[in-house]
PDB file of N, CA and C in Angstrom:
ATOM      1  N   MET A   1      77.973 115.095 115.318  1.00  0.00           N
ATOM      2  CA  MET A   1      77.754 115.450 114.446  1.00  0.00           C
ATOM      3  C   MET A   1      78.438 116.885 114.391  1.00  0.00           C
ATOM      4  N   ARG A   2      78.362 117.869 114.646  1.00  0.00           N
ATOM      5  CA  ARG A   2      79.404 119.214 114.857  1.00  0.00           C
ATOM      6  C   ARG A   2      80.873 118.786 114.518  1.00  0.00           C
ATOM      7  N   ARG A   3      81.188 118.141 116.651  1.00  0.00           N
ATOM      8  CA  ARG A   3      81.973 116.650 116.376  1.00  0.00           C
ATOM      9  C   ARG A   3      83.176 116.624 115.413  1.00  0.00           C
ATOM     10  N   ASN A   4      82.712 115.627 114.934  1.00  0.00           N
ATOM     11  CA  ASN A   4      83.039 114.592 113.701  1.00  0.00           C
ATOM     12  C   ASN A   4      83.485 115.642 112.565  1.00  0.00           C
ATOM     13  N   LEU A   5      82.059 116.930 112.255  1.00  0.00           N
ATOM     14  CA  LEU A   5      82.513 118.194 111.114  1.00  0.00           C
ATOM     15  C   LEU A   5      84.311 118.495 111.565  1.00  0.00           C
ATOM     16  N   ASN A   6      84.522 119.110 112.577  1.00  0.00           N
ATOM     17  CA  ASN A   6      85.234 120.044 113.395  1.00  0.00           C
ATOM     18  C   ASN A   6      86.586 119.205 113.322  1.00  0.00           C
ATOM     19  N   SER A   7      86.269 117.916 113.586  1.00  0.00           N
ATOM     20  CA  SER A   7      88.044 116.748 113.808  1.00  0.00           C
ATOM     21  C   SER A   7      88.400 116.999 112.260  1.00  0.00           C
ATOM     22  N   SER A   8      87.096 115.983 111.263  1.00  0.00           N
ATOM     23  CA  SER A   8      88.200 116.263 110.034  1.00  0.00           C
ATOM     24  C   SER A   8      88.466 117.087 109.173  1.00  0.00           C
ATOM     25  N   ARG A   9      87.705 118.041 109.729  1.00  0.00           N
ATOM     26  CA  ARG A   9      88.503 119.434 109.523  1.00  0.00           C
ATOM     27  C   ARG A   9      89.672 119.723 109.906  1.00  0.00           C
ATOM     28  N   GLN A  10      89.967 119.874 111.051  1.00  0.00           N
ATOM     29  CA  GLN A  10      91.667 119.419 112.027  1.00  0.00           C
ATOM     30  C   GLN A  10      92.323 118.205 110.968  1.00  0.00           C
ATOM     31  N   LYS A  11      92.158 117.183 110.924  1.00  0.00           N
ATOM     32  CA  LYS A  11      92.543 116.029 110.096  1.00  0.00           C
ATOM     33  C   LYS A  11      92.900 116.792 108.836  1.00  0.00           C
ATOM     34  N   ALA A  12      91.895 117.440 108.497  1.00  0.00           N
ATOM     35  CA  ALA A  12      92.207 118.229 106.977  1.00  0.00           C
ATOM     36  C   ALA A  12      93.697 118.826 107.038  1.00  0.00           C
ATOM     37  N   HIS A  13      93.402 120.006 108.245  1.00  0.00           N
ATOM     38  CA  HIS A  13      94.400 121.128 108.212  1.00  0.00           C
ATOM     39  C   HIS A  13      95.231 120.404 108.439  1.00  0.00           C
ATOM     40  N   ASN A  14      95.846 119.713 109.408  1.00  0.00           N
ATOM     41  CA  ASN A  14      96.544 119.013 110.222  1.00  0.00           C
ATOM     42  C   ASN A  14      97.542 118.627 108.607  1.00  0.00           C
ATOM     43  N   TYR A  15      97.232 117.947 107.790  1.00  0.00           N
ATOM     44  CA  TYR A  15      97.488 117.078 106.618  1.00  0.00           C
ATOM     45  C   TYR A  15      97.730 118.138 105.690  1.00  0.00           C
ATOM     46  N   ALA A  16      97.765 119.402 105.892  1.00  0.00           N
ATOM     47  CA  ALA A  16      98.021 120.595 104.827  1.00  0.00           C
ATOM     48  C   ALA A  16      99.320 121.225 105.276  1.00  0.00           C
ATOM     49  N   LYS A  17      99.053 121.529 106.955  1.00  0.00           N
ATOM     50  CA  LYS A  17     100.821 121.492 107.660  1.00  0.00           C
ATOM     51  C   LYS A  17     101.348 120.557 107.451  1.00  0.00           C
ATOM     52  N   PHE A  18     101.487 119.150 107.175  1.00  0.00           N
ATOM     53  CA  PHE A  18     102.043 117.705 107.057  1.00  0.00           C
ATOM     54  C   PHE A  18     103.432 117.992 105.564  1.00  0.00           C
ATOM     55  N   LYS A  19     102.354 118.767 104.563  1.00  0.00           N
ATOM     56  CA  LYS A  19     102.742 118.175 103.134  1.00  0.00           C
ATOM     57  C   LYS A  19     103.133 120.496 102.940  1.00  0.00           C
ATOM     58  N   ARG A  20     103.127 120.747 104.160  1.00  0.00           N
ATOM     59  CA  ARG A  20     103.747 122.342 103.884  1.00  0.00           C
ATOM     60  C   ARG A  20     102.443 123.332 102.721  1.00  0.00           C
ATOM     61  N   TYR A  21     102.265 122.828 102.880  1.00  0.00           N
ATOM     62  CA  TYR A  21     100.813 123.526 101.678  1.00  0.00           C
ATOM     63  C   TYR A  21     100.437 124.604 102.620  1.00  0.00           C
ATOM     64  N   ASN A  22      99.527 125.495 101.363  1.00  0.00           N
ATOM     65  CA  ASN A  22      98.876 126.706 102.274  1.00  0.00           C
ATOM     66  C   ASN A  22      97.365 126.594 102.446  1.00  0.00           C
ATOM     67  N   PHE A  23      97.086 126.177 102.882  1.00  0.00           N
ATOM     68  CA  PHE A  23      95.578 126.110 102.968  1.00  0.00           C
ATOM     69  C   PHE A  23      94.906 127.093 103.334  1.00  0.00           C
ATOM     70  N   LYS A  24      94.217 126.980 101.512  1.00  0.00           N
ATOM     71  CA  LYS A  24      93.278 127.526 101.302  1.00  0.00           C
ATOM     72  C   LYS A  24      90.934 127.097 101.694  1.00  0.00           C
ATOM     73  N   PHE A  25      90.899 126.176 101.507  1.00  0.00           N
ATOM     74  CA  PHE A  25      90.054 126.233 101.906  1.00  0.00           C
ATOM     75  C   PHE A  25      89.622 124.904 101.701  1.00  0.00           C
ATOM     76  N   ILE A  26      88.614 124.389 102.719  1.00  0.00           N
ATOM     77  CA  ILE A  26      87.023 122.533 102.289  1.00  0.00           C
ATOM     78  C   ILE A  26      86.154 123.194 102.193  1.00  0.00           C
ATOM     79  N   LYS A  27      85.514 122.162 101.384  1.00  0.00           N
ATOM     80  CA  LYS A  27      84.241 122.545 100.566  1.00  0.00           C
ATOM     81  C   LYS A  27      83.597 120.468 101.409  1.00  0.00           C
ATOM     82  N   ILE A  28      82.773 120.504 101.731  1.00  0.00           N
ATOM     83  CA  ILE A  28      82.383 119.523 103.008  1.00  0.00           C
ATOM     84  C   ILE A  28      81.224 118.866 101.818  1.00  0.00           C
ATOM     85  N   ARG A  29      81.257 117.629 102.437  1.00  0.00           N
ATOM     86  CA  ARG A  29      80.254 117.197 100.862  1.00  0.00           C
ATOM     87  C   ARG A  29      80.041 115.722 101.634  1.00  0.00           C
ATOM     88  N   ALA A  30      78.854 114.453 101.223  1.00  0.00           N
ATOM     89  CA  ALA A  30      78.604 113.907 102.269  1.00  0.00           C
ATOM     90  C   ALA A  30      79.888 112.922 102.530  1.00  0.00           C
ATOM     91  N   SER A  31      80.397 112.449 101.637  1.00  0.00           N
ATOM     92  CA  SER A  31      80.697 110.993 102.652  1.00  0.00           C
ATOM     93  C   SER A  31      82.560 110.962 102.303  1.00  0.00           C
ATOM     94  N   CYS A  32      82.950 112.759 101.853  1.00  0.00           N
ATOM     95  CA  CYS A  32      84.485 113.472 102.072  1.00  0.00           C
ATOM     96  C   CYS A  32      84.690 114.630 101.683  1.00  0.00           C
ATOM     97  N   LEU A  33      85.850 114.679 102.050  1.00  0.00           N
ATOM     98  CA  LEU A  33      85.796 116.428 102.126  1.00  0.00           C
ATOM     99  C   LEU A  33      87.112 116.826 100.721  1.00  0.00           C
ATOM    100  N   THR A  34      86.922 117.810 100.263  1.00  0.00           N
ATOM    101  CA  THR A  34      87.540 118.335  98.584  1.00  0.00           C
ATOM    102  C   THR A  34      88.094 119.479 100.085  1.00  0.00           C
ATOM    103  N   LEU A  35      89.780 118.940  99.765  1.00  0.00           N
ATOM    104  CA  LEU A  35      90.750 120.135  99.420  1.00  0.00           C
ATOM    105  C   LEU A  35      91.725 120.331  99.647  1.00  0.00           C
ATOM    106  N   ILE A  36      91.027 121.955  99.051  1.00  0.00           N
ATOM    107  CA  ILE A  36      91.743 123.359  97.531  1.00  0.00           C
ATOM    108  C   ILE A  36      93.437 123.032  98.040  1.00  0.00           C
ATOM    109  N   ILE A  37      93.745 123.064  98.259  1.00  0.00           N
ATOM    110  CA  ILE A  37      95.332 123.844  98.678  1.00  0.00           C
ATOM    111  C   ILE A  37      96.311 123.857  97.704  1.00  0.00           C
ATOM    112  N   SER A  38      97.668 125.396  97.877  1.00  0.00           N
ATOM    113  CA  SER A  38      97.868 126.334  97.077  1.00  0.00           C
ATOM    114  C   SER A  38      99.036 125.782  97.637  1.00  0.00           C
ATOM    115  N   SER A  39     100.824 125.690  96.364  1.00  0.00           N
ATOM    116  CA  SER A  39     102.175 125.203  97.001  1.00  0.00           C
ATOM    117  C   SER A  39     102.912 126.356  96.665  1.00  0.00           C
ATOM    118  N   LYS A  40     104.226 126.372  97.045  1.00  0.00           N
ATOM    119  CA  LYS A  40     105.056 127.213  97.460  1.00  0.00           C
ATOM    120  C   LYS A  40     104.670 127.575  95.391  1.00  0.00           C
ATOM    121  N   PHE A  41     104.449 126.784  94.564  1.00  0.00           N
ATOM    122  CA  PHE A  41     104.855 127.582  93.133  1.00  0.00           C
ATOM    123  C   PHE A  41     103.020 127.669  92.502  1.00  0.00           C
ATOM    124  N   LYS A  42     102.386 128.744  93.823  1.00  0.00           N
ATOM    125  CA  LYS A  42     100.729 128.684  93.390  1.00  0.00           C
ATOM    126  C   LYS A  42     100.373 128.240  92.681  1.00  0.00           C
ATOM    127  N   ARG A  43     100.702 126.489  92.167  1.00  0.00           N
ATOM    128  CA  ARG A  43      99.972 125.588  91.332  1.00  0.00           C
ATOM    129  C   ARG A  43      98.293 125.283  92.447  1.00  0.00           C
ATOM    130  N   ALA A  44      97.608 125.301  92.034  1.00  0.00           N
ATOM    131  CA  ALA A  44      96.366 124.942  93.301  1.00  0.00           C
ATOM    132  C   ALA A  44      96.207 122.632  92.174  1.00  0.00           C
ATOM    133  N   LYS A  45      95.760 122.566  94.094  1.00  0.00           N
ATOM    134  CA  LYS A  45      96.067 120.899  94.004  1.00  0.00           C
ATOM    135  C   LYS A  45      94.907 120.357  94.251  1.00  0.00           C
ATOM    136  N   PHE A  46      94.324 119.804  94.111  1.00  0.00           N
ATOM    137  CA  PHE A  46      93.080 119.800  94.348  1.00  0.00           C
ATOM    138  C   PHE A  46      93.217 117.685  94.850  1.00  0.00           C
ATOM    139  N   PHE A  47      92.595 118.137  96.771  1.00  0.00           N
ATOM    140  CA  PHE A  47      93.134 116.669  97.097  1.00  0.00           C
ATOM    141  C   PHE A  47      91.151 116.676  97.793  1.00  0.00           C
ATOM    142  N   LYS A  48      91.048 115.028  97.647  1.00  0.00           N
ATOM    143  CA  LYS A  48      90.159 114.783  98.242  1.00  0.00           C
ATOM    144  C   LYS A  48      89.921 113.131  99.237  1.00  0.00           C
ATOM    145  N   ILE A  49      89.695 113.533 100.504  1.00  0.00           N
ATOM    146  CA  ILE A  49      90.090 113.267 101.837  1.00  0.00           C
ATOM    147  C   ILE A  49      88.477 112.622 101.692  1.00  0.00           C
ATOM    148  N   PHE A  50      89.109 111.100 101.828  1.00  0.00           N
ATOM    149  CA  PHE A  50      87.573 110.310 102.752  1.00  0.00           C
ATOM    150  C   PHE A  50      87.798 109.334 103.636  1.00  0.00           C
ATOM    151  N   TYR A  51      86.910 109.656 104.875  1.00  0.00           N
ATOM    152  CA  TYR A  51      86.875 109.138 106.521  1.00  0.00           C
ATOM    153  C   TYR A  51      86.125 108.042 105.684  1.00  0.00           C
ATOM    154  N   PRO A  52      85.880 107.137 106.180  1.00  0.00           N
ATOM    155  CA  PRO A  52      85.183 107.001 107.027  1.00  0.00           C
ATOM    156  C   PRO A  52      84.021 107.029 107.966  1.00  0.00           C
ATOM    157  N   ARG A  53      83.383 106.336 108.029  1.00  0.00           N
ATOM    158  CA  ARG A  53      82.019 106.928 108.965  1.00  0.00           C
ATOM    159  C   ARG A  53      82.068 106.201 110.716  1.00  0.00           C
ATOM    160  N   LYS A  54      82.855 104.917 109.596  1.00  0.00           N
ATOM    161  CA  LYS A  54      82.478 103.995 111.848  1.00  0.00           C
ATOM    162  C   LYS A  54      83.998 104.318 112.670  1.00  0.00           C
ATOM    163  N   THR A  55      85.122 104.476 111.503  1.00  0.00           N
ATOM    164  CA  THR A  55      86.366 104.630 112.786  1.00  0.00           C
ATOM    165  C   THR A  55      86.663 106.167 112.520  1.00  0.00           C
ATOM    166  N   LYS A  56      87.146 106.084 113.815  1.00  0.00           N
ATOM    167  CA  LYS A  56      87.369 107.897 114.095  1.00  0.00           C
ATOM    168  C   LYS A  56      88.355 108.193 114.106  1.00  0.00           C
ATOM    169  N   ASN A  57      89.587 106.912 114.560  1.00  0.00           N
ATOM    170  CA  ASN A  57      91.121 106.822 114.517  1.00  0.00           C
ATOM    171  C   ASN A  57      91.243 106.688 112.717  1.00  0.00           C
ATOM    172  N   ASP A  58      91.457 107.135 112.055  1.00  0.00           N
ATOM    173  CA  ASP A  58      91.556 106.320 110.680  1.00  0.00           C
ATOM    174  C   ASP A  58      93.329 107.179 110.181  1.00  0.00           C
ATOM    175  N   ARG A  59      93.921 106.880 108.767  1.00  0.00           N
ATOM    176  CA  ARG A  59      94.553 107.717 108.223  1.00  0.00           C
ATOM    177  C   ARG A  59      93.785 107.440 107.156  1.00  0.00           C
ATOM    178  N   ILE A  60      94.575 109.650 106.756  1.00  0.00           N
ATOM    179  CA  ILE A  60      93.708 110.065 105.530  1.00  0.00           C
ATOM    180  C   ILE A  60      94.064 109.567 104.385  1.00  0.00           C
ATOM    181  N   LYS A  61      92.694 109.350 103.548  1.00  0.00           N
ATOM    182  CA  LYS A  61      93.662 108.635 102.280  1.00  0.00           C
ATOM    183  C   LYS A  61      93.455 109.202 100.510  1.00  0.00           C
ATOM    184  N   SER A  62      93.877 110.033 100.665  1.00  0.00           N
ATOM    185  CA  SER A  62      94.356 111.116  99.904  1.00  0.00           C
ATOM    186  C   SER A  62      94.745 111.080  98.234  1.00  0.00           C
ATOM    187  N   GLN A  63      93.473 111.157  97.331  1.00  0.00           N
ATOM    188  CA  GLN A  63      93.946 111.267  95.898  1.00  0.00           C
ATOM    189  C   GLN A  63      94.056 112.311  95.220  1.00  0.00           C
ATOM    190  N   ILE A  64      95.304 112.891  94.354  1.00  0.00           N
ATOM    191  CA  ILE A  64      95.512 113.388  94.089  1.00  0.00           C
ATOM    192  C   ILE A  64      94.928 114.262  92.726  1.00  0.00           C
ATOM    193  N   TYR A  65      94.153 115.654  92.380  1.00  0.00           N
ATOM    194  CA  TYR A  65      93.536 115.363  91.282  1.00  0.00           C
ATOM    195  C   TYR A  65      94.608 116.524  90.293  1.00  0.00           C
TER     196      TYR A  65
END
């Protein structure tokens, strides 16, 4: 359980690095991670990143709100 949480957090961190946003914080809920990052123009963007529990190596499905 702890390992999966850390790996998902690392995935979200890598995704934020890939999108070149500043990594603010992560809120962890039951099935999805809510990732709040700020861009260069200091606008907050909300990402919901869903991880299926069965498959470990799966791409991040992100929805921008």
